[in-house]
Amino acid sequence: MLLQAIAAGAGLAKLGAGIGAGIAVIGAGIGIGNIGKATVESIARQPSAAGDIRSAMILSAAFVEGCGLFAIVACVLAIVL
């Protein structure tokens, strides 16, 4: 009986990890979209600073993507372990 309860809990853990990975991807996508939107608006306001704005955007997008990737790896590890 104890093994059945553990197996049922493992199924819910895998479901939760899958949902968590999906939420992480959605959050990263929204964050990168907001960064891109703000970048385009900033370049439209001040075209002379386009190079500096673009490099800041790439750095920020890389940080957001790294956080999203870290969350996905954590969720996959929760599924496997």
N, C-alpha and C. Protein backbone atom coordinates (compact mmCIF):
# COMPACT_ATOMS: atom_id res chain seq x y z
N MET A 1 0.82 -1.18 0.00
CA MET A 1 0.00 0.00 0.00
C MET A 1 0.87 1.26 0.00
N LEU A 2 1.97 1.22 0.71
CA LEU A 2 2.87 2.36 0.75
C LEU A 2 3.49 2.61 -0.62
N LEU A 3 3.82 1.54 -1.33
CA LEU A 3 4.40 1.70 -2.66
C LEU A 3 3.41 2.31 -3.64
N GLN A 4 2.13 1.99 -3.50
CA GLN A 4 1.12 2.59 -4.37
C GLN A 4 1.00 4.09 -4.12
N ALA A 5 1.06 4.48 -2.87
CA ALA A 5 0.98 5.90 -2.54
C ALA A 5 2.19 6.65 -3.08
N ILE A 6 3.35 6.02 -2.99
CA ILE A 6 4.57 6.66 -3.52
C ILE A 6 4.48 6.79 -5.03
N ALA A 7 3.97 5.75 -5.71
CA ALA A 7 3.84 5.79 -7.17
C ALA A 7 2.83 6.86 -7.59
N ALA A 8 1.74 7.01 -6.86
CA ALA A 8 0.75 8.03 -7.19
C ALA A 8 1.33 9.42 -6.99
N GLY A 9 2.11 9.60 -5.95
CA GLY A 9 2.76 10.89 -5.71
C GLY A 9 3.78 11.20 -6.77
N ALA A 10 4.46 10.19 -7.28
CA ALA A 10 5.46 10.41 -8.33
C ALA A 10 4.78 10.89 -9.61
N GLY A 11 3.60 10.38 -9.90
CA GLY A 11 2.87 10.84 -11.08
C GLY A 11 2.48 12.30 -10.97
N LEU A 12 2.04 12.70 -9.78
CA LEU A 12 1.69 14.10 -9.57
C LEU A 12 2.93 15.00 -9.62
N ALA A 13 4.05 14.49 -9.14
CA ALA A 13 5.29 15.26 -9.19
C ALA A 13 5.71 15.49 -10.63
N LYS A 14 5.57 14.49 -11.48
CA LYS A 14 5.91 14.65 -12.89
C LYS A 14 4.97 15.63 -13.57
N LEU A 15 3.70 15.57 -13.21
CA LEU A 15 2.74 16.52 -13.77
C LEU A 15 3.08 17.94 -13.34
N GLY A 16 3.40 18.12 -12.08
CA GLY A 16 3.77 19.44 -11.57
C GLY A 16 5.04 19.96 -12.22
N ALA A 17 6.00 19.08 -12.44
CA ALA A 17 7.24 19.50 -13.09
C ALA A 17 6.99 19.92 -14.54
N GLY A 18 6.12 19.21 -15.22
CA GLY A 18 5.77 19.58 -16.59
C GLY A 18 5.06 20.92 -16.66
N ILE A 19 4.15 21.15 -15.73
CA ILE A 19 3.45 22.43 -15.69
C ILE A 19 4.44 23.55 -15.33
N GLY A 20 5.34 23.27 -14.41
CA GLY A 20 6.35 24.27 -14.05
C GLY A 20 7.25 24.63 -15.21
N ALA A 21 7.63 23.65 -16.01
CA ALA A 21 8.47 23.93 -17.18
C ALA A 21 7.71 24.78 -18.19
N GLY A 22 6.43 24.49 -18.36
CA GLY A 22 5.61 25.29 -19.27
C GLY A 22 5.49 26.73 -18.82
N ILE A 23 5.28 26.93 -17.52
CA ILE A 23 5.17 28.28 -16.98
C ILE A 23 6.51 29.02 -17.13
N ALA A 24 7.61 28.30 -16.94
CA ALA A 24 8.93 28.93 -17.10
C ALA A 24 9.14 29.41 -18.53
N VAL A 25 8.72 28.62 -19.50
CA VAL A 25 8.88 29.00 -20.91
C VAL A 25 7.99 30.20 -21.24
N ILE A 26 6.76 30.18 -20.74
CA ILE A 26 5.85 31.30 -20.99
C ILE A 26 6.40 32.58 -20.36
N GLY A 27 6.89 32.48 -19.13
CA GLY A 27 7.45 33.66 -18.46
C GLY A 27 8.66 34.22 -19.18
N ALA A 28 9.55 33.34 -19.64
CA ALA A 28 10.73 33.81 -20.38
C ALA A 28 10.32 34.45 -21.70
N GLY A 29 9.34 33.88 -22.37
CA GLY A 29 8.86 34.46 -23.63
C GLY A 29 8.26 35.84 -23.44
N ILE A 30 7.46 36.00 -22.39
CA ILE A 30 6.87 37.31 -22.10
C ILE A 30 7.96 38.32 -21.75
N GLY A 31 8.93 37.88 -20.95
CA GLY A 31 10.01 38.79 -20.56
C GLY A 31 10.84 39.25 -21.74
N ILE A 32 11.19 38.34 -22.62
CA ILE A 32 11.99 38.72 -23.79
C ILE A 32 11.16 39.60 -24.73
N GLY A 33 9.87 39.33 -24.84
CA GLY A 33 9.00 40.19 -25.64
C GLY A 33 8.94 41.61 -25.11
N ASN A 34 8.85 41.75 -23.80
CA ASN A 34 8.84 43.09 -23.20
C ASN A 34 10.17 43.80 -23.40
N ILE A 35 11.26 43.06 -23.31
CA ILE A 35 12.58 43.65 -23.55
C ILE A 35 12.67 44.15 -25.00
N GLY A 36 12.22 43.34 -25.93
CA GLY A 36 12.25 43.74 -27.34
C GLY A 36 11.38 44.95 -27.62
N LYS A 37 10.19 44.97 -27.01
CA LYS A 37 9.29 46.11 -27.19
C LYS A 37 9.92 47.39 -26.67
N ALA A 38 10.50 47.33 -25.49
CA ALA A 38 11.12 48.51 -24.90
C ALA A 38 12.32 48.96 -25.73
N THR A 39 13.04 48.01 -26.29
CA THR A 39 14.21 48.36 -27.11
C THR A 39 13.80 49.09 -28.37
N VAL A 40 12.77 48.58 -29.04
CA VAL A 40 12.32 49.23 -30.27
C VAL A 40 11.81 50.64 -29.98
N GLU A 41 11.06 50.80 -28.88
CA GLU A 41 10.58 52.13 -28.51
C GLU A 41 11.74 53.07 -28.18
N SER A 42 12.74 52.55 -27.49
CA SER A 42 13.89 53.40 -27.13
C SER A 42 14.68 53.82 -28.35
N ILE A 43 14.87 52.91 -29.28
CA ILE A 43 15.61 53.25 -30.50
C ILE A 43 14.80 54.24 -31.35
N ALA A 44 13.47 54.11 -31.33
CA ALA A 44 12.65 55.06 -32.08
C ALA A 44 12.75 56.46 -31.49
N ARG A 45 12.90 56.56 -30.19
CA ARG A 45 13.00 57.86 -29.54
C ARG A 45 14.37 58.50 -29.73
N GLN A 46 15.41 57.65 -29.70
CA GLN A 46 16.77 58.18 -29.78
C GLN A 46 17.61 57.28 -30.68
N PRO A 47 17.52 57.46 -31.99
CA PRO A 47 18.24 56.58 -32.92
C PRO A 47 19.76 56.63 -32.80
N SER A 48 20.29 57.71 -32.28
CA SER A 48 21.74 57.83 -32.17
C SER A 48 22.33 56.88 -31.14
N ALA A 49 21.52 56.41 -30.19
CA ALA A 49 21.99 55.51 -29.15
C ALA A 49 21.61 54.06 -29.44
N ALA A 50 21.35 53.74 -30.69
CA ALA A 50 20.87 52.40 -31.04
C ALA A 50 21.87 51.31 -30.67
N GLY A 51 23.14 51.54 -30.85
CA GLY A 51 24.15 50.52 -30.54
C GLY A 51 24.19 50.17 -29.07
N ASP A 52 24.18 51.20 -28.23
CA ASP A 52 24.20 50.96 -26.78
C ASP A 52 22.93 50.28 -26.31
N ILE A 53 21.79 50.72 -26.85
CA ILE A 53 20.52 50.12 -26.45
C ILE A 53 20.45 48.67 -26.89
N ARG A 54 20.93 48.39 -28.10
CA ARG A 54 20.88 47.02 -28.62
C ARG A 54 21.75 46.09 -27.79
N SER A 55 22.95 46.55 -27.39
CA SER A 55 23.80 45.67 -26.59
C SER A 55 23.22 45.44 -25.20
N ALA A 56 22.57 46.43 -24.64
CA ALA A 56 21.91 46.24 -23.34
C ALA A 56 20.74 45.26 -23.48
N MET A 57 20.03 45.34 -24.62
CA MET A 57 18.92 44.42 -24.86
C MET A 57 19.41 42.98 -24.97
N ILE A 58 20.48 42.78 -25.68
CA ILE A 58 21.00 41.42 -25.86
C ILE A 58 21.45 40.85 -24.52
N LEU A 59 22.09 41.65 -23.71
CA LEU A 59 22.52 41.20 -22.39
C LEU A 59 21.32 40.86 -21.49
N SER A 60 20.32 41.71 -21.49
CA SER A 60 19.12 41.46 -20.68
C SER A 60 18.37 40.23 -21.16
N ALA A 61 18.24 40.07 -22.46
CA ALA A 61 17.56 38.89 -23.00
C ALA A 61 18.32 37.61 -22.66
N ALA A 62 19.63 37.68 -22.65
CA ALA A 62 20.42 36.51 -22.28
C ALA A 62 20.20 36.13 -20.82
N PHE A 63 20.09 37.13 -19.95
CA PHE A 63 19.82 36.84 -18.54
C PHE A 63 18.44 36.21 -18.35
N VAL A 64 17.44 36.74 -19.04
CA VAL A 64 16.09 36.19 -18.94
C VAL A 64 16.06 34.76 -19.48
N GLU A 65 16.71 34.55 -20.60
CA GLU A 65 16.76 33.22 -21.19
C GLU A 65 17.49 32.24 -20.28
N GLY A 66 18.55 32.70 -19.64
CA GLY A 66 19.29 31.84 -18.70
C GLY A 66 18.43 31.43 -17.51
N CYS A 67 17.67 32.37 -16.99
CA CYS A 67 16.77 32.04 -15.87
C CYS A 67 15.70 31.05 -16.30
N GLY A 68 15.14 31.25 -17.49
CA GLY A 68 14.14 30.31 -18.00
C GLY A 68 14.73 28.93 -18.22
N LEU A 69 15.93 28.88 -18.77
CA LEU A 69 16.59 27.59 -18.99
C LEU A 69 16.90 26.89 -17.67
N PHE A 70 17.32 27.65 -16.67
CA PHE A 70 17.59 27.08 -15.36
C PHE A 70 16.32 26.47 -14.76
N ALA A 71 15.20 27.16 -14.91
CA ALA A 71 13.93 26.65 -14.39
C ALA A 71 13.51 25.38 -15.12
N ILE A 72 13.71 25.33 -16.43
CA ILE A 72 13.35 24.14 -17.19
C ILE A 72 14.23 22.96 -16.78
N VAL A 73 15.52 23.19 -16.59
CA VAL A 73 16.42 22.12 -16.15
C VAL A 73 16.00 21.60 -14.77
N ALA A 74 15.62 22.51 -13.87
CA ALA A 74 15.16 22.09 -12.55
C ALA A 74 13.90 21.23 -12.66
N CYS A 75 13.00 21.60 -13.54
CA CYS A 75 11.77 20.82 -13.72
C CYS A 75 12.07 19.44 -14.34
N VAL A 76 12.98 19.41 -15.30
CA VAL A 76 13.34 18.11 -15.90
C VAL A 76 14.02 17.22 -14.86
N LEU A 77 14.85 17.79 -14.03
CA LEU A 77 15.47 17.01 -12.97
C LEU A 77 14.43 16.49 -11.98
N ALA A 78 13.40 17.27 -11.74
CA ALA A 78 12.31 16.81 -10.86
C ALA A 78 11.58 15.63 -11.47
N ILE A 79 11.46 15.62 -12.80
CA ILE A 79 10.80 14.50 -13.47
C ILE A 79 11.68 13.26 -13.40
N VAL A 80 12.96 13.43 -13.65
CA VAL A 80 13.87 12.28 -13.71
C VAL A 80 14.15 11.71 -12.33
N LEU A 81 14.38 12.57 -11.38
CA LEU A 81 14.75 12.11 -10.03
C LEU A 81 13.58 11.84 -9.20
